[in-house]
Amino acid sequence: MDKIYIEDPRDIPHHSIASERRDMSDEEFESSKLSIEQEGQLVPIITYKGKLVDGRHRQRALIEL
């Protein structure tokens, strides 16, 4: 699988399929965000044809960080 590096996570538009997964609770999100802050982003954001299909919470955490 090829990796694409994007400097600004806000540049990735969402595919409609991305919203089919459940939302994280506030606690889950803050825990995930803290993990990304401390260890870096270990799980990639998945895109299809330039649109985000998996990783919208990781994207949000990166934007907030």
Protein backbone atom coordinates (compact mmCIF):
# COMPACT_ATOMS: atom_id res chain seq x y z
CA MET A 1 0.00 0.00 0.00
CA ASP A 2 1.31 3.42 -0.90
CA LYS A 3 1.52 6.05 1.81
CA ILE A 4 0.59 9.64 1.15
CA TYR A 5 1.82 12.36 3.45
CA ILE A 6 -0.37 15.43 3.77
CA GLU A 7 0.84 18.42 5.71
CA ASP A 8 -2.61 19.65 6.73
CA PRO A 9 -5.20 17.04 7.74
CA ARG A 10 -7.95 19.59 7.03
CA ASP A 11 -7.18 19.06 3.33
CA ILE A 12 -8.77 15.58 3.29
CA PRO A 13 -12.47 15.64 2.38
CA HIS A 14 -14.75 12.95 3.81
CA HIS A 15 -16.31 10.21 1.71
CA SER A 16 -19.95 9.51 2.62
CA ILE A 17 -18.96 6.07 3.94
CA ALA A 18 -16.85 7.68 6.69
CA SER A 19 -19.94 8.68 8.66
CA GLU A 20 -21.28 5.11 8.77
CA ARG A 21 -19.08 4.24 11.74
CA ARG A 22 -20.18 5.20 15.23
CA ASP A 23 -19.01 8.37 16.90
CA MET A 24 -16.52 8.11 19.75
CA SER A 25 -17.57 9.24 23.19
CA ASP A 26 -15.82 12.36 24.49
CA GLU A 27 -13.72 10.17 26.79
CA GLU A 28 -12.68 7.85 23.95
CA PHE A 29 -11.77 10.80 21.74
CA GLU A 30 -9.70 12.55 24.42
CA SER A 31 -7.87 9.28 25.16
CA SER A 32 -7.15 8.75 21.46
CA LYS A 33 -6.01 12.35 21.07
CA LEU A 34 -3.67 12.04 24.07
CA SER A 35 -2.21 8.85 22.60
CA ILE A 36 -1.54 10.57 19.28
CA GLU A 37 0.03 13.51 21.10
CA GLN A 38 2.33 11.26 23.14
CA GLU A 39 3.16 8.48 20.67
CA GLY A 40 2.36 9.94 17.27
CA GLN A 41 -0.20 8.72 14.79
CA LEU A 42 0.34 4.97 14.58
CA VAL A 43 -2.82 3.97 12.69
CA PRO A 44 -3.12 5.57 9.26
CA ILE A 45 -6.05 7.52 7.92
CA ILE A 46 -7.50 5.52 5.03
CA THR A 47 -8.56 7.28 1.85
CA TYR A 48 -10.19 6.16 -1.36
CA LYS A 49 -9.91 8.34 -4.45
CA GLY A 50 -8.67 11.21 -2.31
CA LYS A 51 -11.49 11.08 0.24
CA LEU A 52 -11.31 9.90 3.83
CA VAL A 53 -13.13 6.60 4.44
CA ASP A 54 -11.64 5.64 7.84
CA GLY A 55 -9.95 7.83 10.42
CA ARG A 56 -12.20 10.83 10.88
CA HIS A 57 -11.55 10.85 14.65
CA ARG A 58 -7.78 10.66 14.06
CA GLN A 59 -8.15 13.48 11.56
CA ARG A 60 -10.06 15.58 14.11
CA ALA A 61 -7.43 14.85 16.77
CA LEU A 62 -4.61 15.90 14.43
CA ILE A 63 -6.43 19.12 13.58
CA GLU A 64 -6.95 19.91 17.27
CA LEU A 65 -3.35 19.12 18.11
